[in-house]
Protein backbone atom coordinates (compact mmCIF):
# COMPACT_ATOMS: atom_id res chain seq x y z
CA MET A 1 40.29 -2.04 4.81
CA SER A 2 41.96 -4.32 2.25
CA LEU A 3 41.43 -7.93 1.28
CA GLN A 4 44.13 -10.41 2.26
CA SER A 5 43.12 -13.72 0.69
CA ARG A 6 43.61 -16.63 3.07
CA LYS A 7 44.80 -20.11 2.27
CA VAL A 8 42.02 -22.70 2.41
CA ASP A 9 43.14 -25.49 4.77
CA GLY A 10 39.77 -27.02 5.63
CA VAL A 11 38.46 -27.35 9.16
CA PRO A 12 41.14 -27.58 11.91
CA GLU A 13 41.43 -31.09 13.38
CA GLU A 14 40.74 -29.98 16.94
CA THR A 15 37.61 -28.10 15.83
CA VAL A 16 36.40 -31.22 14.00
CA ARG A 17 37.02 -33.46 17.01
CA VAL A 18 35.29 -31.22 19.57
CA ALA A 19 32.37 -30.25 17.28
CA ARG A 20 31.59 -33.86 16.40
CA ALA A 21 31.73 -34.82 20.06
CA ALA A 22 29.32 -32.00 20.92
CA PHE A 23 27.02 -32.65 17.94
CA PRO A 24 27.15 -36.42 17.28
CA LYS A 25 24.11 -36.16 14.99
CA GLY A 26 25.36 -33.02 13.32
CA SER A 27 23.59 -29.67 12.88
CA LEU A 28 22.48 -27.43 10.03
CA ALA A 29 25.78 -25.52 10.02
CA MET A 30 27.87 -28.69 10.07
CA ARG A 31 25.87 -30.39 7.30
CA ILE A 32 26.27 -27.36 5.05
CA ARG A 33 30.04 -27.68 5.45
CA ASP A 34 30.07 -31.46 5.05
CA GLU A 35 27.79 -31.60 2.00
CA LEU A 36 28.67 -28.40 0.10
CA GLY A 37 32.21 -27.73 1.31
CA GLU A 38 33.54 -24.18 1.59
CA LEU A 39 30.85 -22.27 -0.27
CA PHE A 40 32.39 -18.81 -0.52
CA SER A 41 35.99 -17.86 -1.13
CA ASP A 42 37.60 -14.51 -0.41
CA ALA A 43 38.35 -14.12 -4.11
CA ASP A 44 34.59 -13.95 -4.81
CA PHE A 45 34.50 -10.57 -3.07
CA ALA A 46 37.83 -9.13 -4.19
CA GLY A 47 36.13 -6.33 -6.12
CA LEU A 48 34.51 -4.98 -2.96
CA TYR A 49 37.80 -4.10 -1.23
CA PRO A 50 40.68 -1.71 -2.01
CA SER A 51 44.16 -3.08 -2.62
CA ARG A 52 45.70 -1.28 0.37
CA GLY A 53 44.71 -0.79 3.98
CA LYS A 54 44.18 -2.73 7.19
CA PRO A 55 43.46 -6.42 6.50
CA ALA A 56 39.74 -7.21 6.60
CA TRP A 57 38.17 -10.22 8.25
CA SER A 58 37.60 -12.96 5.67
CA PRO A 59 34.68 -11.89 3.41
CA GLY A 60 34.07 -15.51 2.41
CA ARG A 61 33.43 -16.34 6.04
CA LEU A 62 31.43 -13.15 6.60
CA ALA A 63 29.11 -14.20 3.76
CA LEU A 64 28.44 -17.48 5.55
CA VAL A 65 27.86 -15.62 8.81
CA LEU A 66 25.28 -13.37 7.16
CA VAL A 67 23.36 -16.31 5.72
CA MET A 68 23.44 -18.19 9.04
CA GLN A 69 22.36 -15.02 10.82
CA PHE A 70 19.19 -14.98 8.70
CA ALA A 71 18.80 -18.75 8.94
CA GLU A 72 18.58 -18.47 12.73
CA GLY A 73 17.02 -15.01 13.05
CA LEU A 74 19.94 -13.44 14.93
CA SER A 75 20.93 -9.84 15.47
CA ASP A 76 24.42 -8.65 14.54
CA ARG A 77 25.61 -8.97 18.13
CA GLN A 78 24.15 -12.47 18.45
CA ALA A 79 25.75 -13.56 15.17
CA ALA A 80 29.16 -12.24 16.26
CA ASP A 81 28.75 -14.06 19.60
CA ALA A 82 27.88 -17.27 17.74
CA VAL A 83 31.14 -17.03 15.76
CA ARG A 84 33.08 -16.68 19.02
CA GLY A 85 31.26 -19.26 21.10
CA ARG A 86 29.43 -21.90 19.03
CA LEU A 87 31.26 -25.02 17.98
CA ASP A 88 29.07 -25.80 14.96
CA TRP A 89 29.62 -22.28 13.59
CA LYS A 90 33.37 -22.61 14.03
CA TYR A 91 33.14 -25.92 12.16
CA LEU A 92 31.19 -24.28 9.31
CA LEU A 93 33.64 -21.37 9.10
CA GLY A 94 36.77 -23.51 9.47
CA LEU A 95 37.98 -21.60 12.54
CA GLU A 96 40.28 -22.63 15.37
CA LEU A 97 38.52 -23.13 18.69
CA ALA A 98 40.31 -20.12 20.20
CA ASP A 99 39.51 -17.77 17.28
CA PRO A 100 38.08 -14.54 18.81
CA GLY A 101 35.92 -13.70 15.80
CA PHE A 102 35.13 -10.03 15.10
CA ASP A 103 33.22 -7.05 16.40
CA HIS A 104 29.53 -7.06 15.42
CA SER A 105 29.92 -3.75 13.54
CA VAL A 106 31.92 -5.64 10.87
CA LEU A 107 28.64 -7.16 9.64
CA THR A 108 27.14 -3.73 9.00
CA GLU A 109 30.22 -2.69 7.06
CA PHE A 110 30.19 -5.91 5.01
CA ARG A 111 26.49 -5.53 4.15
CA ASP A 112 27.22 -2.02 2.91
CA ARG A 113 29.94 -3.39 0.66
CA LEU A 114 27.56 -6.02 -0.74
CA ILE A 115 24.97 -3.33 -1.47
CA THR A 116 27.49 -1.00 -3.10
CA GLY A 117 28.81 -3.80 -5.30
CA ASP A 118 25.34 -5.28 -5.93
CA ALA A 119 26.87 -8.57 -4.82
CA GLY A 120 24.13 -9.93 -2.58
CA ILE A 121 22.68 -12.13 -5.32
CA GLN A 122 26.05 -13.88 -5.61
CA LEU A 123 25.40 -15.61 -2.30
CA LEU A 124 22.16 -17.17 -3.52
CA ASP A 125 23.71 -18.06 -6.88
CA ARG A 126 26.71 -19.76 -5.30
CA VAL A 127 24.50 -21.97 -3.11
CA LEU A 128 22.48 -22.93 -6.18
CA GLU A 129 25.68 -23.73 -8.09
CA ALA A 130 26.85 -25.98 -5.26
CA ALA A 131 23.45 -27.71 -5.15
CA ALA A 132 23.61 -28.27 -8.91
CA GLU A 133 27.14 -29.70 -8.62
CA HIS A 134 25.79 -32.26 -6.14
CA GLY A 135 22.84 -33.23 -8.34
CA LEU A 136 20.22 -31.44 -6.23
CA LEU A 137 19.22 -28.86 -8.85
CA LYS A 138 18.93 -28.91 -12.62
CA ALA A 139 17.30 -26.99 -15.44
CA GLY A 140 13.92 -28.00 -16.83
CA GLY A 141 11.02 -29.35 -14.87
CA ARG A 142 8.62 -27.04 -13.08
CA ALA A 143 9.04 -23.76 -11.25
CA ARG A 144 6.53 -21.46 -9.60
CA THR A 145 6.49 -17.81 -8.61
CA ASP A 146 4.47 -15.63 -6.28
CA SER A 147 4.83 -12.32 -4.48
CA THR A 148 3.92 -10.89 -1.10
CA ILE A 149 3.81 -7.49 0.52
CA VAL A 150 6.74 -6.18 2.53
CA LEU A 151 6.24 -3.52 5.18
CA SER A 152 8.75 -0.70 5.40
CA ALA A 153 10.90 -0.50 8.52
CA ALA A 154 9.57 3.04 8.97
CA ARG A 155 6.31 3.36 10.88
CA GLN A 156 3.16 3.98 8.85
CA ILE A 157 1.80 7.50 9.33
CA ASN A 158 -1.15 9.51 8.03
CA GLY A 159 -1.05 12.63 5.88
CA LEU A 160 -0.89 15.30 8.59
CA VAL A 161 1.71 13.43 10.64
CA ARG A 162 3.72 12.77 7.46
CA LEU A 163 4.05 16.49 6.76
CA GLY A 164 4.94 17.35 10.34
CA GLU A 165 7.46 14.53 10.60
CA THR A 166 9.12 15.53 7.34
CA LEU A 167 9.75 19.03 8.65
CA ARG A 168 10.78 17.74 12.08
CA ALA A 169 13.25 15.29 10.52
CA ALA A 170 14.79 18.09 8.44
CA LEU A 171 15.13 20.32 11.52
CA ASN A 172 16.82 17.51 13.49
CA SER A 173 19.22 16.87 10.63
CA VAL A 174 20.14 20.55 10.41
CA ALA A 175 20.50 20.74 14.20
CA ALA A 176 22.92 17.81 14.16
CA ARG A 177 25.07 19.37 11.43
CA GLU A 178 25.00 23.11 12.34
CA PRO A 179 23.46 23.59 15.80
CA GLU A 180 24.78 27.14 16.28
CA TRP A 181 23.34 28.42 13.01
CA LEU A 182 19.95 26.85 13.65
CA ALA A 183 19.79 28.07 17.26
CA GLU A 184 20.23 31.65 16.06
CA TRP A 185 17.65 31.37 13.27
CA VAL A 186 14.83 29.08 14.45
CA PRO A 187 11.64 30.82 15.74
CA SER A 188 10.99 30.13 19.41
CA ASP A 189 7.50 28.67 18.89
CA TRP A 190 8.97 25.93 16.66
CA PHE A 191 10.47 24.19 19.68
CA ASP A 192 6.98 23.47 21.00
CA ARG A 193 5.66 22.51 17.57
CA TYR A 194 8.46 20.28 16.28
CA ALA A 195 10.43 19.09 19.32
CA ILE A 196 8.63 15.74 19.70
CA ARG A 197 6.99 13.24 17.36
CA PHE A 198 3.77 14.49 15.86
CA GLU A 199 1.81 11.37 16.76
CA ASP A 200 2.76 11.99 20.41
CA THR A 201 1.14 15.43 20.38
CA ARG A 202 -2.53 16.36 20.76
CA LEU A 203 -3.57 16.83 17.14
CA PRO A 204 -6.71 18.84 16.30
CA LYS A 205 -9.89 16.83 15.67
CA GLY A 206 -11.93 19.10 13.41
CA ARG A 207 -11.26 19.34 9.67
CA ALA A 208 -10.90 23.12 9.77
CA LYS A 209 -8.33 22.99 12.57
CA GLN A 210 -6.43 20.21 10.79
CA THR A 211 -6.35 22.24 7.56
CA GLU A 212 -5.06 25.24 9.52
CA LEU A 213 -2.25 23.14 11.02
CA ILE A 214 -1.36 21.64 7.62
CA GLU A 215 -1.05 25.11 6.13
CA GLN A 216 1.01 26.26 9.13
CA ILE A 217 3.40 23.33 8.62
CA GLY A 218 3.59 24.17 4.92
CA ALA A 219 4.45 27.79 5.64
CA ASP A 220 7.09 26.76 8.19
CA GLY A 221 8.66 24.35 5.72
CA LEU A 222 8.87 27.02 3.03
CA ARG A 223 10.41 29.39 5.55
CA LEU A 224 13.08 26.84 6.47
CA LEU A 225 13.90 26.07 2.83
CA ALA A 226 14.22 29.79 2.07
CA ALA A 227 16.56 30.26 5.03
CA LEU A 228 18.71 27.29 4.02
CA HIS A 229 19.16 28.81 0.58
CA GLY A 230 19.99 32.20 2.02
CA PRO A 231 23.49 33.73 1.86
CA ASP A 232 24.11 33.24 5.59
CA ALA A 233 23.30 29.50 5.67
CA PRO A 234 26.11 26.93 5.34
CA ALA A 235 25.92 25.47 1.84
CA SER A 236 26.31 21.92 3.14
CA LEU A 237 22.87 22.08 4.79
CA ARG A 238 21.11 22.22 1.44
CA LEU A 239 22.58 18.83 0.50
CA LEU A 240 21.39 16.96 3.58
CA ASP A 241 19.17 14.01 2.72
CA ARG A 242 16.40 15.13 5.07
CA VAL A 243 16.43 18.62 3.57
CA GLN A 244 16.19 17.20 0.06
CA THR A 245 13.30 15.02 1.24
CA LEU A 246 11.58 18.10 2.69
CA ARG A 247 11.90 19.92 -0.61
CA GLN A 248 10.55 16.95 -2.60
CA MET A 249 7.66 16.39 -0.18
CA TRP A 250 6.65 20.06 -0.31
CA ILE A 251 6.66 20.03 -4.12
CA GLN A 252 4.36 16.99 -4.06
CA GLN A 253 2.03 18.23 -1.32
CA TYR A 254 1.79 22.02 -1.54
CA PHE A 255 1.27 24.89 -3.98
CA ILE A 256 1.51 28.64 -3.40
CA ASP A 257 -1.68 30.68 -3.57
CA ASP A 258 -1.25 34.46 -2.96
CA GLY A 259 1.91 33.78 -0.98
CA GLN A 260 0.14 31.17 1.20
CA ALA A 261 1.03 27.46 1.24
CA ARG A 262 -2.04 25.40 0.31
CA ARG A 263 -2.19 21.63 0.22
CA ARG A 264 -2.80 20.06 -3.16
CA ASP A 265 -5.96 18.09 -3.81
CA LEU A 266 -5.37 14.34 -4.03
CA LYS A 267 -5.87 14.34 -7.80
CA ASP A 268 -3.15 16.99 -8.16
CA ARG A 269 -0.52 15.01 -6.25
CA PRO A 270 1.93 12.68 -8.03
CA PRO A 271 0.94 9.07 -8.77
CA GLY A 272 1.66 6.40 -6.21
CA ALA A 273 4.86 5.26 -7.92
CA GLU A 274 6.43 8.69 -7.24
CA ARG A 275 4.69 9.84 -4.06
CA LEU A 276 6.67 9.82 -0.81
CA VAL A 277 4.89 8.17 2.12
CA THR A 278 7.44 8.78 4.89
CA PRO A 279 10.56 10.92 5.33
CA TYR A 280 12.35 8.00 6.97
CA ASP A 281 12.24 5.63 3.99
CA THR A 282 12.10 7.57 0.72
CA ASP A 283 12.10 4.39 -1.39
CA ALA A 284 8.91 3.04 0.19
CA ARG A 285 5.62 3.53 -1.65
CA GLY A 286 2.01 3.11 -0.66
CA SER A 287 -0.09 0.47 -2.40
CA VAL A 288 -3.22 -1.66 -2.02
CA LYS A 289 -3.91 -5.30 -2.91
CA ARG A 290 -7.25 -6.98 -2.34
CA GLY A 291 -8.21 -4.46 0.32
CA THR A 292 -4.84 -4.52 2.12
CA PHE A 293 -3.08 -1.14 2.30
CA TRP A 294 0.61 -0.94 3.10
CA ASP A 295 3.69 1.26 2.77
CA GLY A 296 6.82 -0.49 1.58
CA TYR A 297 7.78 -3.01 -1.09
CA LYS A 298 6.95 -6.33 -2.73
CA VAL A 299 9.13 -9.43 -2.90
CA HIS A 300 8.84 -12.11 -5.61
CA LEU A 301 10.08 -15.66 -4.97
CA THR A 302 10.64 -18.33 -7.63
CA GLU A 303 11.28 -21.93 -6.60
CA THR A 304 11.60 -25.37 -8.14
CA CYS A 305 8.85 -27.90 -7.44
CA GLU A 306 9.98 -31.37 -8.45
CA PRO A 307 9.20 -34.45 -6.31
CA ASP A 308 12.67 -36.00 -6.63
CA SER A 309 14.70 -33.00 -5.44
CA PRO A 310 14.47 -30.30 -2.77
CA ASN A 311 12.36 -27.25 -3.55
CA LEU A 312 15.00 -24.52 -3.83
CA ILE A 313 14.45 -20.80 -4.33
CA THR A 314 16.18 -19.93 -7.60
CA HIS A 315 15.28 -16.25 -7.90
CA VAL A 316 14.28 -13.44 -5.58
CA ALA A 317 13.36 -9.90 -6.62
CA THR A 318 12.38 -6.90 -4.51
CA THR A 319 10.50 -3.95 -6.01
CA ASP A 320 8.59 -0.99 -4.70
CA SER A 321 4.99 -1.76 -3.87
CA THR A 322 3.50 -0.19 -7.02
CA ILE A 323 5.26 -2.43 -9.57
CA GLN A 324 2.85 -4.86 -11.25
CA ASP A 325 3.71 -8.56 -11.00
CA VAL A 326 3.60 -9.01 -14.76
CA ARG A 327 6.66 -6.78 -15.18
CA LEU A 328 8.80 -9.34 -13.33
CA VAL A 329 8.24 -12.27 -15.71
CA ALA A 330 10.85 -11.25 -18.29
CA PRO A 331 13.57 -10.38 -15.70
CA ILE A 332 12.99 -13.69 -13.90
CA HIS A 333 13.39 -15.67 -17.11
CA ALA A 334 16.45 -13.67 -18.15
CA HIS A 335 18.11 -14.29 -14.76
CA LEU A 336 17.36 -18.02 -14.81
CA ALA A 337 18.53 -18.33 -18.43
CA GLU A 338 21.84 -16.67 -17.57
CA ARG A 339 22.40 -19.23 -14.83
CA GLY A 340 21.14 -22.25 -16.78
CA LEU A 341 18.15 -22.81 -14.51
CA LEU A 342 15.21 -22.16 -16.81
CA PRO A 343 12.21 -24.43 -16.16
CA GLU A 344 10.18 -26.08 -18.89
CA ARG A 345 6.95 -25.04 -17.20
CA HIS A 346 6.56 -21.92 -15.08
CA LEU A 347 3.45 -21.80 -12.87
CA VAL A 348 2.19 -18.33 -11.91
CA ASP A 349 -1.01 -16.65 -10.81
CA ALA A 350 -3.15 -14.24 -12.82
CA GLY A 351 -0.97 -11.26 -11.86
CA TYR A 352 1.93 -12.62 -13.93
CA ALA A 353 0.09 -14.36 -16.77
CA THR A 354 -0.83 -12.31 -19.81
CA ALA A 355 -0.98 -13.37 -23.43
CA ARG A 356 2.03 -11.21 -24.24
CA GLU A 357 4.16 -12.79 -21.51
CA VAL A 358 3.11 -16.32 -22.57
CA VAL A 359 4.15 -15.61 -26.16
CA THR A 360 7.40 -13.92 -25.12
CA ALA A 361 8.37 -16.77 -22.76
CA ARG A 362 7.82 -19.36 -25.50
CA ARG A 363 9.64 -17.35 -28.15
CA ASP A 364 12.66 -16.18 -26.14
CA HIS A 365 13.21 -19.00 -23.64
CA LYS A 366 11.02 -21.96 -24.72
CA VAL A 367 9.29 -21.76 -21.34
CA ASP A 368 5.63 -22.68 -21.01
CA LEU A 369 4.18 -19.96 -18.79
CA VAL A 370 1.09 -21.42 -17.13
CA GLY A 371 -1.43 -19.23 -15.38
CA PRO A 372 -5.05 -18.14 -15.62
CA ILE A 373 -5.58 -15.60 -18.39
CA LEU A 374 -8.01 -12.92 -17.26
CA ALA A 375 -11.53 -13.61 -18.51
CA SER A 376 -13.31 -11.33 -20.94
CA THR A 377 -15.00 -8.36 -19.25
CA SER A 378 -17.61 -7.77 -21.97
CA TRP A 379 -21.28 -7.78 -20.96
CA GLN A 380 -21.90 -10.70 -23.30
CA THR A 381 -19.45 -12.86 -21.34
CA LYS A 382 -20.65 -11.66 -17.95
CA ASP A 383 -24.34 -12.23 -18.79
CA ASN A 384 -23.57 -15.46 -20.68
CA GLU A 385 -25.69 -14.31 -23.60
CA GLY A 386 -25.20 -12.46 -26.86
CA PHE A 387 -22.26 -12.60 -29.24
CA SER A 388 -18.91 -12.26 -27.50
CA GLN A 389 -15.62 -11.69 -29.29
CA ALA A 390 -15.00 -15.45 -29.32
CA ASP A 391 -18.02 -15.89 -31.63
CA PHE A 392 -16.40 -13.84 -34.42
CA THR A 393 -14.21 -15.48 -37.07
CA ILE A 394 -10.85 -13.77 -37.62
CA ASP A 395 -9.02 -14.12 -40.93
CA TRP A 396 -5.55 -12.92 -40.05
CA ASP A 397 -4.09 -13.47 -43.51
CA ASN A 398 -6.73 -11.37 -45.27
CA ARG A 399 -7.17 -8.95 -42.36
CA ARG A 400 -10.90 -9.28 -41.97
CA VAL A 401 -13.47 -10.33 -39.34
CA THR A 402 -16.77 -12.16 -39.89
CA CYS A 403 -19.63 -11.91 -37.40
CA PRO A 404 -21.82 -14.91 -36.37
CA ASN A 405 -24.45 -13.88 -38.99
CA GLY A 406 -21.91 -13.86 -41.82
CA LYS A 407 -21.36 -10.11 -42.13
CA THR A 408 -17.74 -9.24 -42.93
CA THR A 409 -15.63 -6.16 -42.33
CA THR A 410 -12.19 -5.28 -43.64
CA ASN A 411 -11.89 -2.05 -41.69
CA TRP A 412 -8.65 -3.30 -40.13
CA ARG A 413 -6.62 -0.75 -38.17
CA GLU A 414 -3.48 -1.31 -36.12
CA ASP A 415 -3.42 0.82 -32.98
CA ARG A 416 -2.17 1.08 -29.40
CA SER A 417 -4.11 0.51 -26.19
CA GLN A 418 -4.14 3.00 -23.31
CA GLN A 419 -1.25 1.03 -21.79
CA GLY A 420 0.75 1.26 -25.03
CA ALA A 421 0.27 -2.36 -26.10
CA ALA A 422 -0.21 -3.21 -29.79
CA VAL A 423 -3.84 -3.96 -30.72
CA VAL A 424 -5.94 -4.37 -33.84
CA ARG A 425 -9.29 -2.58 -34.12
CA GLU A 426 -12.02 -3.72 -36.49
CA ARG A 427 -15.30 -1.82 -36.92
CA PHE A 428 -18.34 -3.16 -38.76
CA PRO A 429 -20.11 -0.65 -41.01
CA LEU A 430 -23.36 0.77 -39.68
CA ALA A 431 -25.14 -0.41 -42.83
CA ALA A 432 -24.32 -4.01 -41.92
CA CYS A 433 -25.28 -3.75 -38.23
CA ARG A 434 -28.45 -1.60 -38.33
CA PRO A 435 -30.71 -4.02 -40.26
CA CYS A 436 -29.41 -7.12 -38.39
CA ASP A 437 -32.15 -8.96 -36.49
CA ASP A 438 -29.63 -10.06 -33.83
CA ARG A 439 -28.05 -6.67 -33.20
CA LYS A 440 -29.27 -6.65 -29.56
CA GLN A 441 -27.22 -9.83 -29.03
CA CYS A 442 -24.17 -8.05 -30.42
CA THR A 443 -24.32 -4.48 -29.10
CA ARG A 444 -26.53 -2.38 -26.85
CA ALA A 445 -25.98 0.79 -28.89
CA ASP A 446 -29.03 2.46 -30.44
CA MET A 447 -28.56 1.82 -34.15
CA ASN A 448 -31.11 4.51 -35.08
CA SER A 449 -29.01 7.25 -33.52
CA ASP A 450 -25.57 5.70 -33.48
CA THR A 451 -23.21 6.40 -36.35
CA LYS A 452 -21.00 3.34 -35.92
CA GLY A 453 -21.39 -0.43 -35.93
CA ARG A 454 -19.91 -3.12 -33.67
CA ASN A 455 -16.28 -2.54 -32.76
CA ILE A 456 -13.86 -5.45 -32.17
CA THR A 457 -10.48 -4.98 -30.45
CA LEU A 458 -7.93 -7.78 -30.89
CA HIS A 459 -4.48 -8.54 -29.60
CA PRO A 460 -1.76 -9.46 -32.12
CA GLN A 461 -2.37 -12.86 -33.69
CA ALA A 462 -0.05 -14.92 -31.48
CA GLU A 463 -1.45 -13.34 -28.32
CA GLN A 464 -5.05 -13.65 -29.49
CA GLU A 465 -4.61 -17.34 -30.16
CA VAL A 466 -3.06 -17.80 -26.70
CA ILE A 467 -6.08 -16.11 -25.11
CA GLN A 468 -8.55 -18.30 -26.99
CA GLN A 469 -6.65 -21.51 -26.24
CA ALA A 470 -6.17 -20.62 -22.57
CA ARG A 471 -9.84 -19.88 -21.95
CA VAL A 472 -10.74 -23.27 -23.36
CA GLN A 473 -8.01 -25.21 -21.55
CA GLU A 474 -8.62 -23.62 -18.15
CA ASP A 475 -11.94 -25.46 -17.90
CA THR A 476 -10.35 -28.88 -18.40
CA GLN A 477 -9.45 -31.23 -15.55
CA GLU A 478 -5.98 -31.81 -17.00
CA TRP A 479 -5.14 -28.09 -16.82
CA LYS A 480 -6.48 -27.82 -13.27
CA GLU A 481 -4.36 -30.74 -12.10
CA GLN A 482 -1.29 -29.27 -13.78
CA TYR A 483 -1.89 -25.83 -12.30
CA ALA A 484 -2.58 -27.20 -8.81
CA HIS A 485 1.17 -27.45 -8.20
CA ARG A 486 1.38 -23.65 -8.14
CA ALA A 487 -0.38 -23.58 -4.77
CA GLY A 488 2.76 -24.89 -3.08
CA VAL A 489 4.47 -21.53 -3.43
CA GLU A 490 1.97 -20.18 -0.91
CA GLY A 491 3.67 -22.44 1.63
CA THR A 492 7.03 -20.91 0.71
CA ILE A 493 5.65 -17.42 1.27
CA SER A 494 4.22 -18.58 4.61
CA GLN A 495 7.55 -20.09 5.64
CA GLY A 496 9.36 -16.90 4.71
CA VAL A 497 6.91 -14.74 6.65
CA ARG A 498 6.57 -16.89 9.77
CA ALA A 499 10.09 -18.25 10.18
CA PHE A 500 12.29 -15.65 8.50
CA GLY A 501 10.55 -12.27 8.89
CA LEU A 502 10.09 -11.87 5.15
CA ARG A 503 7.21 -9.38 5.45
CA ARG A 504 8.96 -6.81 7.65
CA CYS A 505 12.05 -4.89 6.52
CA ARG A 506 15.00 -4.93 8.89
CA TYR A 507 16.50 -1.84 7.29
CA HIS A 508 15.46 1.35 5.51
CA GLY A 509 15.65 1.69 1.72
CA LEU A 510 15.05 -0.51 -1.32
CA ALA A 511 18.71 -1.53 -1.71
CA LYS A 512 18.89 -2.83 1.85
CA ALA A 513 15.50 -4.53 1.56
CA ARG A 514 16.73 -6.27 -1.59
CA LEU A 515 19.83 -7.59 0.23
CA GLN A 516 17.68 -8.73 3.15
CA HIS A 517 15.51 -10.81 0.83
CA GLN A 518 18.50 -12.27 -1.00
CA LEU A 519 19.94 -13.40 2.33
CA THR A 520 16.55 -14.68 3.45
CA ALA A 521 16.14 -16.76 0.27
CA THR A 522 19.64 -18.20 0.72
CA ALA A 523 18.90 -19.02 4.35
CA MET A 524 15.65 -20.74 3.37
CA ASN A 525 17.61 -22.85 0.89
CA PHE A 526 19.99 -23.86 3.71
CA HIS A 527 17.03 -25.16 5.72
CA ARG A 528 15.51 -26.94 2.73
CA LEU A 529 18.77 -28.65 1.88
CA ASN A 530 19.16 -29.70 5.51
CA ALA A 531 15.63 -31.13 5.52
CA TRP A 532 16.42 -33.08 2.33
CA TRP A 533 19.63 -34.53 3.77
CA THR A 534 17.90 -35.56 7.01
CA ASP A 535 14.85 -37.05 5.25
CA VAL A 536 12.39 -34.64 6.83
CA PRO A 537 9.12 -35.10 4.90
CA ARG A 538 7.56 -32.09 3.23
CA ALA A 539 4.68 -30.60 5.14
CA ARG A 540 1.28 -31.37 3.72
CA THR A 541 -1.52 -28.91 3.27
CA ARG A 542 -3.36 -28.76 6.56
CA THR A 543 -7.02 -29.79 6.63
CA SER A 544 -9.27 -28.64 9.46
CA HIS A 545 -11.38 -31.20 11.32
CA LEU A 546 -14.53 -29.63 9.88
CA ALA A 547 -13.22 -29.76 6.31
CA ALA A 548 -12.18 -33.40 6.79
CA ILE A 549 -15.77 -34.55 7.42
CA ARG A 550 -17.26 -32.62 4.50
CA PRO A 551 -19.25 -35.06 2.34
CA ALA A 552 -18.09 -35.59 -1.21
CA GLU A 553 -20.12 -33.77 -3.86
């Protein structure tokens, strides 16, 4: 299909007349058109189409359809029907009343083009640009970020079922491509073992029987892979996605012992960031957060939070479930800086706030990253006794540390932590620590047998100063009142989950999940803009009847 740019003529007069008669108070779709105009042009998507071929339906209009589809929670068929039959959608799209629209399959094809061209974020950015042009969004002020879990579209399965389903999926893929070859090769007992879903079969209960079945599946998988790489097998079968997944899963899960497939111990399997959890979504990863286990992804939402403008989502990022929140801070700031939407103060939770990120945000973007810095984990801090690191005086210029009793060490050594971060290590000489009367307040090591004195590990100077300042400020009422605004992003997460299906993937794969969340964020902005234009008050934090009668302390 090729792109044939259309001439923008506005909304046809007859469509305007009939739509306004049917919706005298307007609707979300009509207000978007009235307030923001024609958001997307065909030229915005010119790079996604070839120069020759059958003319495509207007991509500028398709982009609006996709956002409205997510704004109203519609399927592809329902969205295509809305284009054909709903007056307010025709008004939004600038269509004639008799326009027949398109087949629902066009939406699938357009989403694929957006994914291939990594153009989904353009939809969110264009809405933000239009909001900024109308004075509803500006740089500076406050922003806040939080993340939530996202469940894969593939069903969650346990280890035994995962192995059986991986082999079954590969067999079905081969059967679809080369049924004659597989019919001649496949052992007859495999039809009973792999014809139906594993969770629908009667699986063995005992550990020994389960281990026997796991090893049988492993041997069968190796046998299939060997046959597919044999001289009589069509070469195209080796390149099938399900066959490649089978090979990768078997490498992760099995090893060969005297010609027998044995399952690897858990400690010998790849880390969670690399380990496959299902053959039906190879991008999904298993993770755990505060006791919640899930297979899938994480989505991070950043929004503005100023009282005199609508709270708009300015950034959305989707990662696999094993990526730590702190790794998203720099990309978020870089994205907002590129679009001129950097806040002055960025409110985050402890997962995003580290001393390094605070320093980097101030240095690179002049953004004040506000979040609780993790407290010291030393026994002195936990027990609230003894000399913690905060009790030592650090002379950065002369590279020395003085303990609370006045002992000084210059054994200054720059090093790296286990995570690769730069640190400074200072060790007091044993001769200074052993005779100290307060050594039990400093270290629990036995100085009579130990060969080393107290060891101090510091972050680089800028980060160390941030840590010290943060731990003092976090106890002040001013900081608590400032940070209280971060809690509002929990409402955004709740809105996304409850009203827009944010926590469940519609499609398989990280790229499709990312597009889903970009469309969801854009749709949420549509609703928030509509609420602002219609003077709908922001929802307040709900208080239960019991909490309301709690006496003041």
